[in-house]
Amino acid sequence: MIHNKLLELDGSYYEIGKKIGEEAGKSLHFQQVLALIKQYNFQQDSHEIREKLTEWCPQLLDEIAGISDGLKISNESGLRLFAGYDMPKLEGMGCTSFCTQDYYVRNYDFSPQLFDNIFMVQHPVDGRMLCGHSQLLLGRLDGMNENGLIIGLHFVNNNTYKKGFLCSTITRIVLETCTTTEEAIELLGKLPHAASYNYSLLDRHGSMAIVEAAPSIQYVHRNTNYLIGTNMFYAQDLQPYNRANHDSSQKRVEAIKNWEYIPSAEEVHEWFANTDSPVFYKDYDAFFGTLYTITYLPKVAQVIRTNMTGETKSFTL
């Protein structure tokens, strides 16, 4: 079992990136993650990566430069490894989320062997404050920014893989550049997506949505009471993008819909984090084990995290 590392970072994007690289370089666990990732033999065009990040989120180029220097690797290698553009097809990730107008709760399911194991809180002097679980250091699996915007990703399918951004880079770009759910929906409709994912959204004003995003088509799902995010598309036009077997997603949705009332954030968090819960998975060797439960409370800027060992911590941004 592993414990989530918390990194609190401030400074310029370059300075933050360098601190991230230095800390990652000290981590035996991350070195093992990096060794596994490098087996994919990255060969992307670093000039094209620069152009894409310059178009969509240029400040991340400075962070990658810092990460590269912190890890003592070339900037070209840093761009290929961490920018999340034109990546080789990586393993999919599972997860479940539940949100109301007041809170967002989520389980992230994957293998600990390919999990950064870092929760970052960043205070850039020249950008938005944000927090979230990192993926390949630069990306975010989920997160909340200083404006109270929350986003989390849910893998659906890799079958229609195209040149575009990795899901975790998309999540990071949204946190860096958007303030509301509506802005995030608009941006998700423009960004080049590499694979099919759901993106669950909530902002400080209580606006929530799930964007079902295949590389060539997106659909926005809304509700006023609550939304459940899993690993399948529901829009009729997006059914061909689903995997043949999505029984797990359906079972998780049915389990949540069996609730007799909408519980409090604390109740939902406890239920998600319970190892006997139908949304908590233990298939770690099959890339489907629950690595953490997290609750974001956007109106009070509070975060509650429970890792896979059951340790719970909370803090306010």
C-alpha atoms as a PDB file:
ATOM      1  CA  MET A   1       0.000   0.000   0.000  1.00  0.00           C
ATOM      2  CA  ILE A   2       1.130   3.565  -0.684  1.00  0.00           C
ATOM      3  CA  HIS A   3       0.481   6.908   1.000  1.00  0.00           C
ATOM      4  CA  ASN A   4      -0.387   9.987  -1.043  1.00  0.00           C
ATOM      5  CA  LYS A   5       2.397  12.567  -0.880  1.00  0.00           C
ATOM      6  CA  LEU A   6       1.258  16.180  -0.398  1.00  0.00           C
ATOM      7  CA  LEU A   7       3.283  18.899  -2.133  1.00  0.00           C
ATOM      8  CA  GLU A   8       2.558  22.575  -1.421  1.00  0.00           C
ATOM      9  CA  LEU A   9       4.289  24.750  -4.014  1.00  0.00           C
ATOM     10  CA  ASP A  10       4.632  28.437  -4.753  1.00  0.00           C
ATOM     11  CA  GLY A  11       6.693  30.654  -7.030  1.00  0.00           C
ATOM     12  CA  SER A  12       6.753  31.037 -10.793  1.00  0.00           C
ATOM     13  CA  TYR A  13       5.636  28.146 -13.002  1.00  0.00           C
ATOM     14  CA  TYR A  14       9.272  27.338 -13.688  1.00  0.00           C
ATOM     15  CA  GLU A  15      10.160  27.399  -9.974  1.00  0.00           C
ATOM     16  CA  ILE A  16       7.160  25.209  -9.136  1.00  0.00           C
ATOM     17  CA  GLY A  17       8.103  22.784 -11.906  1.00  0.00           C
ATOM     18  CA  LYS A  18      11.682  22.541 -10.692  1.00  0.00           C
ATOM     19  CA  LYS A  19      10.515  21.748  -7.149  1.00  0.00           C
ATOM     20  CA  ILE A  20       8.190  19.073  -8.563  1.00  0.00           C
ATOM     21  CA  GLY A  21      11.028  17.553 -10.584  1.00  0.00           C
ATOM     22  CA  GLU A  22      13.376  17.549  -7.610  1.00  0.00           C
ATOM     23  CA  GLU A  23      10.797  15.894  -5.338  1.00  0.00           C
ATOM     24  CA  ALA A  24       9.879  13.333  -8.014  1.00  0.00           C
ATOM     25  CA  GLY A  25      13.572  12.574  -8.494  1.00  0.00           C
ATOM     26  CA  LYS A  26      13.858  11.666  -4.791  1.00  0.00           C
ATOM     27  CA  SER A  27      10.849   9.330  -4.940  1.00  0.00           C
ATOM     28  CA  LEU A  28      11.637   5.670  -5.534  1.00  0.00           C
ATOM     29  CA  HIS A  29       7.961   5.101  -6.325  1.00  0.00           C
ATOM     30  CA  PHE A  30       7.924   7.789  -9.038  1.00  0.00           C
ATOM     31  CA  GLN A  31      11.176   6.491 -10.506  1.00  0.00           C
ATOM     32  CA  GLN A  32       9.457   3.114 -10.875  1.00  0.00           C
ATOM     33  CA  VAL A  33       6.446   4.804 -12.523  1.00  0.00           C
ATOM     34  CA  LEU A  34       8.747   6.644 -14.898  1.00  0.00           C
ATOM     35  CA  ALA A  35      10.593   3.445 -15.809  1.00  0.00           C
ATOM     36  CA  LEU A  36       7.287   1.795 -16.745  1.00  0.00           C
ATOM     37  CA  ILE A  37       6.146   4.823 -18.748  1.00  0.00           C
ATOM     38  CA  LYS A  38       9.442   5.017 -20.662  1.00  0.00           C
ATOM     39  CA  GLN A  39       8.821   1.513 -22.013  1.00  0.00           C
ATOM     40  CA  TYR A  40       6.332   3.141 -24.403  1.00  0.00           C
ATOM     41  CA  ASN A  41       9.316   4.674 -26.300  1.00  0.00           C
ATOM     42  CA  PHE A  42       8.098   8.238 -26.795  1.00  0.00           C
ATOM     43  CA  GLN A  43       8.879   9.692 -30.240  1.00  0.00           C
ATOM     44  CA  GLN A  44       6.611  12.757 -30.486  1.00  0.00           C
ATOM     45  CA  ASP A  45       7.600  15.960 -32.248  1.00  0.00           C
ATOM     46  CA  SER A  46       8.661  18.304 -29.425  1.00  0.00           C
ATOM     47  CA  HIS A  47       8.187  21.359 -31.680  1.00  0.00           C
ATOM     48  CA  GLU A  48       4.559  20.386 -32.287  1.00  0.00           C
ATOM     49  CA  ILE A  49       4.028  19.877 -28.543  1.00  0.00           C
ATOM     50  CA  ARG A  50       5.372  23.393 -27.921  1.00  0.00           C
ATOM     51  CA  GLU A  51       3.030  24.819 -30.532  1.00  0.00           C
ATOM     52  CA  LYS A  52      -0.015  23.089 -29.014  1.00  0.00           C
ATOM     53  CA  LEU A  53       0.751  24.187 -25.457  1.00  0.00           C
ATOM     54  CA  THR A  54       1.501  27.720 -26.665  1.00  0.00           C
ATOM     55  CA  GLU A  55      -1.970  27.735 -28.227  1.00  0.00           C
ATOM     56  CA  TRP A  56      -3.886  26.331 -25.261  1.00  0.00           C
ATOM     57  CA  CYS A  57      -1.920  26.859 -22.039  1.00  0.00           C
ATOM     58  CA  PRO A  58       1.541  28.414 -22.528  1.00  0.00           C
ATOM     59  CA  GLN A  59       2.386  28.665 -18.827  1.00  0.00           C
ATOM     60  CA  LEU A  60       2.728  24.891 -18.715  1.00  0.00           C
ATOM     61  CA  LEU A  61       5.795  25.138 -20.955  1.00  0.00           C
ATOM     62  CA  ASP A  62       7.604  26.921 -18.118  1.00  0.00           C
ATOM     63  CA  GLU A  63       6.509  24.243 -15.663  1.00  0.00           C
ATOM     64  CA  ILE A  64       7.762  21.479 -17.946  1.00  0.00           C
ATOM     65  CA  ALA A  65      11.087  23.287 -18.280  1.00  0.00           C
ATOM     66  CA  GLY A  66      11.319  23.362 -14.486  1.00  0.00           C
ATOM     67  CA  ILE A  67      10.332  19.699 -14.128  1.00  0.00           C
ATOM     68  CA  SER A  68      12.963  18.745 -16.709  1.00  0.00           C
ATOM     69  CA  ASP A  69      15.679  20.698 -14.895  1.00  0.00           C
ATOM     70  CA  GLY A  70      14.581  19.258 -11.556  1.00  0.00           C
ATOM     71  CA  LEU A  71      14.834  15.732 -12.942  1.00  0.00           C
ATOM     72  CA  LYS A  72      18.043  16.586 -14.835  1.00  0.00           C
ATOM     73  CA  ILE A  73      16.664  15.570 -18.217  1.00  0.00           C
ATOM     74  CA  SER A  74      16.475  17.513 -21.493  1.00  0.00           C
ATOM     75  CA  ASN A  75      13.539  19.831 -22.111  1.00  0.00           C
ATOM     76  CA  GLU A  76      12.670  17.802 -25.224  1.00  0.00           C
ATOM     77  CA  SER A  77      12.422  14.653 -23.112  1.00  0.00           C
ATOM     78  CA  GLY A  78      10.314  16.542 -20.578  1.00  0.00           C
ATOM     79  CA  LEU A  79       7.927  17.694 -23.293  1.00  0.00           C
ATOM     80  CA  ARG A  80       7.529  14.163 -24.641  1.00  0.00           C
ATOM     81  CA  LEU A  81       7.076  12.559 -21.214  1.00  0.00           C
ATOM     82  CA  PHE A  82       4.917  15.081 -19.360  1.00  0.00           C
ATOM     83  CA  ALA A  83       3.052  17.408 -21.757  1.00  0.00           C
ATOM     84  CA  GLY A  84       0.461  14.748 -22.542  1.00  0.00           C
ATOM     85  CA  TYR A  85       0.198  15.472 -26.270  1.00  0.00           C
ATOM     86  CA  ASP A  86       0.348  12.811 -29.015  1.00  0.00           C
ATOM     87  CA  MET A  87       1.099  10.192 -26.376  1.00  0.00           C
ATOM     88  CA  PRO A  88       1.136   6.459 -27.069  1.00  0.00           C
ATOM     89  CA  LYS A  89      -2.064   4.718 -26.053  1.00  0.00           C
ATOM     90  CA  LEU A  90      -1.875   4.252 -22.270  1.00  0.00           C
ATOM     91  CA  GLU A  91      -3.944   2.032 -19.983  1.00  0.00           C
ATOM     92  CA  GLY A  92      -7.442   3.284 -19.166  1.00  0.00           C
ATOM     93  CA  MET A  93      -8.494   4.493 -15.746  1.00  0.00           C
ATOM     94  CA  GLY A  94     -11.719   3.845 -13.850  1.00  0.00           C
ATOM     95  CA  CYS A  95     -13.552   6.019 -11.390  1.00  0.00           C
ATOM     96  CA  THR A  96     -16.895   7.051  -9.932  1.00  0.00           C
ATOM     97  CA  SER A  97     -18.071  10.526  -8.977  1.00  0.00           C
ATOM     98  CA  PHE A  98     -21.185  11.959  -7.353  1.00  0.00           C
ATOM     99  CA  CYS A  99     -21.907  15.663  -7.160  1.00  0.00           C
ATOM    100  CA  THR A 100     -24.659  17.999  -6.095  1.00  0.00           C
ATOM    101  CA  GLN A 101     -24.756  21.786  -6.242  1.00  0.00           C
ATOM    102  CA  ASP A 102     -22.746  21.851  -2.991  1.00  0.00           C
ATOM    103  CA  TYR A 103     -20.139  19.077  -3.180  1.00  0.00           C
ATOM    104  CA  TYR A 104     -18.183  16.739  -5.433  1.00  0.00           C
ATOM    105  CA  VAL A 105     -17.082  13.245  -4.262  1.00  0.00           C
ATOM    106  CA  ARG A 106     -14.962  10.869  -6.308  1.00  0.00           C
ATOM    107  CA  ASN A 107     -13.124   7.533  -6.229  1.00  0.00           C
ATOM    108  CA  TYR A 108     -10.170   7.021  -8.537  1.00  0.00           C
ATOM    109  CA  ASP A 109      -9.517   3.438  -9.641  1.00  0.00           C
ATOM    110  CA  PHE A 110      -6.290   2.332 -11.296  1.00  0.00           C
ATOM    111  CA  SER A 111      -3.039   0.502 -10.588  1.00  0.00           C
ATOM    112  CA  PRO A 112      -0.684   1.904  -7.921  1.00  0.00           C
ATOM    113  CA  GLN A 113       2.197   1.020 -10.267  1.00  0.00           C
ATOM    114  CA  LEU A 114       1.177   3.818 -12.665  1.00  0.00           C
ATOM    115  CA  PHE A 115      -0.003   6.364 -10.093  1.00  0.00           C
ATOM    116  CA  ASP A 116       2.141   9.425  -9.322  1.00  0.00           C
ATOM    117  CA  ASN A 117       1.055   9.232  -5.682  1.00  0.00           C
ATOM    118  CA  ILE A 118       1.251  13.039  -5.348  1.00  0.00           C
ATOM    119  CA  PHE A 119      -1.436  15.553  -4.371  1.00  0.00           C
ATOM    120  CA  MET A 120      -0.296  19.043  -5.327  1.00  0.00           C
ATOM    121  CA  VAL A 121      -1.376  22.439  -4.027  1.00  0.00           C
ATOM    122  CA  GLN A 122       0.074  25.143  -6.264  1.00  0.00           C
ATOM    123  CA  HIS A 123       0.222  28.898  -5.704  1.00  0.00           C
ATOM    124  CA  PRO A 124       1.866  30.338  -8.847  1.00  0.00           C
ATOM    125  CA  VAL A 125       2.677  34.026  -8.620  1.00  0.00           C
ATOM    126  CA  ASP A 126       1.565  34.446 -12.225  1.00  0.00           C
ATOM    127  CA  GLY A 127      -1.479  32.152 -12.398  1.00  0.00           C
ATOM    128  CA  ARG A 128      -4.408  30.507 -10.629  1.00  0.00           C
ATOM    129  CA  MET A 129      -4.039  28.646  -7.361  1.00  0.00           C
ATOM    130  CA  LEU A 130      -5.176  25.046  -7.774  1.00  0.00           C
ATOM    131  CA  CYS A 131      -4.930  21.632  -6.187  1.00  0.00           C
ATOM    132  CA  GLY A 132      -5.327  18.086  -7.416  1.00  0.00           C
ATOM    133  CA  HIS A 133      -3.868  14.612  -7.872  1.00  0.00           C
ATOM    134  CA  SER A 134      -1.101  14.632 -10.456  1.00  0.00           C
ATOM    135  CA  GLN A 135      -0.639  12.261 -13.381  1.00  0.00           C
ATOM    136  CA  LEU A 136       2.727  12.330 -15.165  1.00  0.00           C
ATOM    137  CA  LEU A 137       3.496  15.307 -12.876  1.00  0.00           C
ATOM    138  CA  LEU A 138       1.966  17.981 -15.147  1.00  0.00           C
ATOM    139  CA  GLY A 139      -1.512  16.525 -15.580  1.00  0.00           C
ATOM    140  CA  ARG A 140      -4.344  16.257 -13.057  1.00  0.00           C
ATOM    141  CA  LEU A 141      -6.695  13.339 -12.464  1.00  0.00           C
ATOM    142  CA  ASP A 142      -9.049  15.717 -10.685  1.00  0.00           C
ATOM    143  CA  GLY A 143      -8.743  19.082  -9.011  1.00  0.00           C
ATOM    144  CA  MET A 144     -10.176  22.403  -7.883  1.00  0.00           C
ATOM    145  CA  ASN A 145      -8.915  25.905  -8.626  1.00  0.00           C
ATOM    146  CA  GLU A 146      -9.143  29.144  -6.668  1.00  0.00           C
ATOM    147  CA  ASN A 147     -12.379  30.027  -8.469  1.00  0.00           C
ATOM    148  CA  GLY A 148     -14.084  26.936  -7.039  1.00  0.00           C
ATOM    149  CA  LEU A 149     -14.167  25.066 -10.367  1.00  0.00           C
ATOM    150  CA  ILE A 150     -13.820  21.279  -9.990  1.00  0.00           C
ATOM    151  CA  ILE A 151     -13.144  18.709 -12.703  1.00  0.00           C
ATOM    152  CA  GLY A 152     -12.518  14.956 -12.683  1.00  0.00           C
ATOM    153  CA  LEU A 153     -11.898  12.494 -15.509  1.00  0.00           C
ATOM    154  CA  HIS A 154     -13.499   9.093 -16.226  1.00  0.00           C
ATOM    155  CA  PHE A 155     -12.042   6.710 -18.818  1.00  0.00           C
ATOM    156  CA  VAL A 156     -14.469   5.373 -21.446  1.00  0.00           C
ATOM    157  CA  ASN A 157     -12.512   3.932 -24.399  1.00  0.00           C
ATOM    158  CA  ASN A 158      -9.219   4.034 -26.295  1.00  0.00           C
ATOM    159  CA  ASN A 159     -10.512   2.448 -29.497  1.00  0.00           C
ATOM    160  CA  THR A 160     -10.813   5.722 -31.417  1.00  0.00           C
ATOM    161  CA  TYR A 161      -7.440   7.061 -30.288  1.00  0.00           C
ATOM    162  CA  LYS A 162      -6.296  10.160 -32.199  1.00  0.00           C
ATOM    163  CA  LYS A 163      -3.544  12.747 -31.988  1.00  0.00           C
ATOM    164  CA  GLY A 164      -4.522  15.090 -29.183  1.00  0.00           C
ATOM    165  CA  PHE A 165      -4.129  15.785 -25.485  1.00  0.00           C
ATOM    166  CA  LEU A 166      -4.076  13.116 -22.794  1.00  0.00           C
ATOM    167  CA  CYS A 167      -7.072  13.281 -20.449  1.00  0.00           C
ATOM    168  CA  SER A 168      -5.029  14.463 -17.449  1.00  0.00           C
ATOM    169  CA  THR A 169      -3.495  17.310 -19.469  1.00  0.00           C
ATOM    170  CA  ILE A 170      -6.994  18.341 -20.548  1.00  0.00           C
ATOM    171  CA  THR A 171      -8.061  18.418 -16.901  1.00  0.00           C
ATOM    172  CA  ARG A 172      -5.046  20.580 -16.017  1.00  0.00           C
ATOM    173  CA  ILE A 173      -5.690  23.019 -18.888  1.00  0.00           C
ATOM    174  CA  VAL A 174      -9.303  23.433 -17.742  1.00  0.00           C
ATOM    175  CA  LEU A 175      -8.192  24.189 -14.168  1.00  0.00           C
ATOM    176  CA  GLU A 176      -5.590  26.668 -15.420  1.00  0.00           C
ATOM    177  CA  THR A 177      -7.820  28.613 -17.792  1.00  0.00           C
ATOM    178  CA  CYS A 178     -11.476  28.338 -16.691  1.00  0.00           C
ATOM    179  CA  THR A 179     -13.469  29.817 -13.807  1.00  0.00           C
ATOM    180  CA  THR A 180     -16.931  28.268 -14.285  1.00  0.00           C
ATOM    181  CA  THR A 181     -18.586  25.095 -15.519  1.00  0.00           C
ATOM    182  CA  GLU A 182     -19.833  26.927 -18.612  1.00  0.00           C
ATOM    183  CA  GLU A 183     -16.315  28.064 -19.520  1.00  0.00           C
ATOM    184  CA  ALA A 184     -15.047  24.513 -19.006  1.00  0.00           C
ATOM    185  CA  ILE A 185     -17.763  23.071 -21.264  1.00  0.00           C
ATOM    186  CA  GLU A 186     -16.848  25.535 -24.004  1.00  0.00           C
ATOM    187  CA  LEU A 187     -13.146  24.727 -23.741  1.00  0.00           C
ATOM    188  CA  LEU A 188     -13.727  20.952 -23.679  1.00  0.00           C
ATOM    189  CA  GLY A 189     -15.578  21.359 -26.961  1.00  0.00           C
ATOM    190  CA  LYS A 190     -12.515  22.958 -28.573  1.00  0.00           C
ATOM    191  CA  LEU A 191      -9.535  21.029 -27.210  1.00  0.00           C
ATOM    192  CA  PRO A 192      -8.118  18.135 -29.287  1.00  0.00           C
ATOM    193  CA  HIS A 193      -8.978  14.924 -27.408  1.00  0.00           C
ATOM    194  CA  ALA A 194      -6.854  11.802 -27.819  1.00  0.00           C
ATOM    195  CA  ALA A 195      -9.351   9.330 -26.362  1.00  0.00           C
ATOM    196  CA  SER A 196     -12.928   8.983 -25.115  1.00  0.00           C
ATOM    197  CA  TYR A 197     -13.497  10.251 -21.566  1.00  0.00           C
ATOM    198  CA  ASN A 198     -16.196  11.719 -19.381  1.00  0.00           C
ATOM    199  CA  TYR A 199     -15.346  14.943 -17.550  1.00  0.00           C
ATOM    200  CA  SER A 200     -17.452  15.710 -14.473  1.00  0.00           C
ATOM    201  CA  LEU A 201     -17.718  19.380 -13.507  1.00  0.00           C
ATOM    202  CA  LEU A 202     -18.953  21.501 -10.601  1.00  0.00           C
ATOM    203  CA  ASP A 203     -18.346  25.174  -9.825  1.00  0.00           C
ATOM    204  CA  ARG A 204     -18.784  27.450  -6.811  1.00  0.00           C
ATOM    205  CA  HIS A 205     -22.145  28.642  -8.122  1.00  0.00           C
ATOM    206  CA  GLY A 206     -23.585  25.111  -8.043  1.00  0.00           C
ATOM    207  CA  SER A 207     -23.528  24.616 -11.821  1.00  0.00           C
ATOM    208  CA  MET A 208     -22.709  20.991 -12.625  1.00  0.00           C
ATOM    209  CA  ALA A 209     -22.365  18.967 -15.814  1.00  0.00           C
ATOM    210  CA  ILE A 210     -20.779  15.895 -17.325  1.00  0.00           C
ATOM    211  CA  VAL A 211     -19.143  16.329 -20.707  1.00  0.00           C
ATOM    212  CA  GLU A 212     -19.111  13.068 -22.644  1.00  0.00           C
ATOM    213  CA  ALA A 213     -16.106  13.611 -24.898  1.00  0.00           C
ATOM    214  CA  ALA A 214     -15.040  11.391 -27.770  1.00  0.00           C
ATOM    215  CA  PRO A 215     -12.238  12.736 -30.002  1.00  0.00           C
ATOM    216  CA  SER A 216     -14.646  13.882 -32.715  1.00  0.00           C
ATOM    217  CA  ILE A 217     -17.878  14.592 -30.800  1.00  0.00           C
ATOM    218  CA  GLN A 218     -18.964  15.827 -27.364  1.00  0.00           C
ATOM    219  CA  TYR A 219     -22.268  15.802 -25.508  1.00  0.00           C
ATOM    220  CA  VAL A 220     -23.166  17.764 -22.362  1.00  0.00           C
ATOM    221  CA  HIS A 221     -25.299  16.049 -19.716  1.00  0.00           C
ATOM    222  CA  ARG A 222     -26.908  18.209 -17.005  1.00  0.00           C
ATOM    223  CA  ASN A 223     -29.166  17.820 -13.987  1.00  0.00           C
ATOM    224  CA  THR A 224     -30.308  20.114 -11.190  1.00  0.00           C
ATOM    225  CA  ASN A 225     -30.294  17.594  -8.300  1.00  0.00           C
ATOM    226  CA  TYR A 226     -27.206  15.430  -8.744  1.00  0.00           C
ATOM    227  CA  LEU A 227     -24.936  13.858 -11.343  1.00  0.00           C
ATOM    228  CA  ILE A 228     -23.156  10.485 -11.374  1.00  0.00           C
ATOM    229  CA  GLY A 229     -19.960  10.051 -13.340  1.00  0.00           C
ATOM    230  CA  THR A 230     -18.706   6.607 -14.407  1.00  0.00           C
ATOM    231  CA  ASN A 231     -16.934   4.993 -17.358  1.00  0.00           C
ATOM    232  CA  MET A 232     -19.582   4.936 -20.068  1.00  0.00           C
ATOM    233  CA  PHE A 233     -21.377   7.337 -22.401  1.00  0.00           C
ATOM    234  CA  TYR A 234     -25.170   7.729 -22.239  1.00  0.00           C
ATOM    235  CA  ALA A 235     -25.818  10.005 -25.228  1.00  0.00           C
ATOM    236  CA  GLN A 236     -27.361   8.056 -28.118  1.00  0.00           C
ATOM    237  CA  ASP A 237     -24.867   9.413 -30.662  1.00  0.00           C
ATOM    238  CA  LEU A 238     -21.964   8.311 -28.457  1.00  0.00           C
ATOM    239  CA  GLN A 239     -23.065   4.707 -27.847  1.00  0.00           C
ATOM    240  CA  PRO A 240     -20.657   3.347 -30.515  1.00  0.00           C
ATOM    241  CA  TYR A 241     -17.758   4.716 -28.453  1.00  0.00           C
ATOM    242  CA  ASN A 242     -18.571   2.622 -25.369  1.00  0.00           C
ATOM    243  CA  ARG A 243     -16.700  -0.569 -24.571  1.00  0.00           C
ATOM    244  CA  ALA A 244     -18.625  -3.773 -25.214  1.00  0.00           C
ATOM    245  CA  ASN A 245     -18.745  -4.540 -21.479  1.00  0.00           C
ATOM    246  CA  HIS A 246     -19.682  -1.683 -19.186  1.00  0.00           C
ATOM    247  CA  ASP A 247     -21.496  -3.697 -16.521  1.00  0.00           C
ATOM    248  CA  SER A 248     -19.332  -2.225 -13.768  1.00  0.00           C
ATOM    249  CA  SER A 249     -20.438   1.328 -14.586  1.00  0.00           C
ATOM    250  CA  GLN A 250     -24.091   0.319 -14.666  1.00  0.00           C
ATOM    251  CA  LYS A 251     -23.809  -1.462 -11.309  1.00  0.00           C
ATOM    252  CA  ARG A 252     -22.224   1.574  -9.689  1.00  0.00           C
ATOM    253  CA  VAL A 253     -24.938   3.870 -11.035  1.00  0.00           C
ATOM    254  CA  GLU A 254     -27.671   1.509  -9.831  1.00  0.00           C
ATOM    255  CA  ALA A 255     -26.100   1.294  -6.357  1.00  0.00           C
ATOM    256  CA  ILE A 256     -26.105   5.076  -6.008  1.00  0.00           C
ATOM    257  CA  LYS A 257     -29.632   5.429  -7.372  1.00  0.00           C
ATOM    258  CA  ASN A 258     -30.819   3.039  -4.645  1.00  0.00           C
ATOM    259  CA  TRP A 259     -30.162   5.713  -2.014  1.00  0.00           C
ATOM    260  CA  GLU A 260     -33.401   6.778  -0.347  1.00  0.00           C
ATOM    261  CA  TYR A 261     -32.263  10.413  -0.089  1.00  0.00           C
ATOM    262  CA  ILE A 262     -29.379  12.614  -1.169  1.00  0.00           C
ATOM    263  CA  PRO A 263     -26.817  12.242   1.640  1.00  0.00           C
ATOM    264  CA  SER A 264     -24.469  14.887   2.993  1.00  0.00           C
ATOM    265  CA  ALA A 265     -20.962  15.255   1.608  1.00  0.00           C
ATOM    266  CA  GLU A 266     -19.556  13.531   4.688  1.00  0.00           C
ATOM    267  CA  GLU A 267     -21.925  10.567   4.278  1.00  0.00           C
ATOM    268  CA  VAL A 268     -21.107  10.163   0.596  1.00  0.00           C
ATOM    269  CA  HIS A 269     -17.367  10.386   1.257  1.00  0.00           C
ATOM    270  CA  GLU A 270     -17.575   7.726   3.970  1.00  0.00           C
ATOM    271  CA  TRP A 271     -19.637   5.450   1.704  1.00  0.00           C
ATOM    272  CA  PHE A 272     -17.236   5.868  -1.241  1.00  0.00           C
ATOM    273  CA  ALA A 273     -14.191   5.214   0.974  1.00  0.00           C
ATOM    274  CA  ASN A 274     -15.662   2.122   2.650  1.00  0.00           C
ATOM    275  CA  THR A 275     -13.795  -0.923   1.330  1.00  0.00           C
ATOM    276  CA  ASP A 276     -17.098  -2.858   1.273  1.00  0.00           C
ATOM    277  CA  SER A 277     -18.842  -0.209  -0.829  1.00  0.00           C
ATOM    278  CA  PRO A 278     -20.015  -1.223  -4.336  1.00  0.00           C
ATOM    279  CA  VAL A 279     -17.999   1.708  -5.734  1.00  0.00           C
ATOM    280  CA  PHE A 280     -14.758   0.662  -3.997  1.00  0.00           C
ATOM    281  CA  TYR A 281     -12.680  -1.776  -6.066  1.00  0.00           C
ATOM    282  CA  LYS A 282      -9.713  -3.977  -5.128  1.00  0.00           C
ATOM    283  CA  ASP A 283      -8.594  -5.313  -8.513  1.00  0.00           C
ATOM    284  CA  TYR A 284      -5.257  -3.483  -8.349  1.00  0.00           C
ATOM    285  CA  ASP A 285      -3.422  -5.992 -10.550  1.00  0.00           C
ATOM    286  CA  ALA A 286      -6.063  -5.493 -13.254  1.00  0.00           C
ATOM    287  CA  PHE A 287      -5.712  -1.663 -13.191  1.00  0.00           C
ATOM    288  CA  PHE A 288      -8.994  -1.315 -11.294  1.00  0.00           C
ATOM    289  CA  GLY A 289      -8.336  -0.742  -7.610  1.00  0.00           C
ATOM    290  CA  THR A 290      -9.507   2.296  -5.653  1.00  0.00           C
ATOM    291  CA  LEU A 291      -6.472   4.474  -4.892  1.00  0.00           C
ATOM    292  CA  TYR A 292      -8.243   7.324  -3.107  1.00  0.00           C
ATOM    293  CA  THR A 293     -11.527   8.994  -2.266  1.00  0.00           C
ATOM    294  CA  ILE A 294     -11.696  12.775  -2.476  1.00  0.00           C
ATOM    295  CA  THR A 295     -14.353  15.358  -1.671  1.00  0.00           C
ATOM    296  CA  TYR A 296     -14.243  18.938  -2.928  1.00  0.00           C
ATOM    297  CA  LEU A 297     -16.429  21.583  -1.282  1.00  0.00           C
ATOM    298  CA  PRO A 298     -16.209  24.564  -3.655  1.00  0.00           C
ATOM    299  CA  LYS A 299     -18.226  27.092  -1.641  1.00  0.00           C
ATOM    300  CA  VAL A 300     -15.830  26.849   1.316  1.00  0.00           C
ATOM    301  CA  ALA A 301     -12.707  25.814  -0.667  1.00  0.00           C
ATOM    302  CA  GLN A 302     -12.290  22.655   1.422  1.00  0.00           C
ATOM    303  CA  VAL A 303     -10.814  19.307   0.397  1.00  0.00           C
ATOM    304  CA  ILE A 304     -11.162  15.930   2.170  1.00  0.00           C
ATOM    305  CA  ARG A 305      -8.921  13.057   1.036  1.00  0.00           C
ATOM    306  CA  THR A 306      -8.841   9.384   2.066  1.00  0.00           C
ATOM    307  CA  ASN A 307      -6.035   7.271   0.639  1.00  0.00           C
ATOM    308  CA  MET A 308      -6.066   3.529  -0.037  1.00  0.00           C
ATOM    309  CA  THR A 309      -4.831   2.796   3.497  1.00  0.00           C
ATOM    310  CA  GLY A 310      -7.869   4.559   4.999  1.00  0.00           C
ATOM    311  CA  GLU A 311      -5.989   7.649   6.219  1.00  0.00           C
ATOM    312  CA  THR A 312      -8.178  10.781   5.943  1.00  0.00           C
ATOM    313  CA  LYS A 313      -6.980  14.379   5.914  1.00  0.00           C
ATOM    314  CA  SER A 314      -8.757  17.645   5.197  1.00  0.00           C
ATOM    315  CA  PHE A 315      -7.584  21.171   4.507  1.00  0.00           C
ATOM    316  CA  THR A 316      -8.857  24.510   3.208  1.00  0.00           C
ATOM    317  CA  LEU A 317      -7.282  26.264   0.244  1.00  0.00           C
END
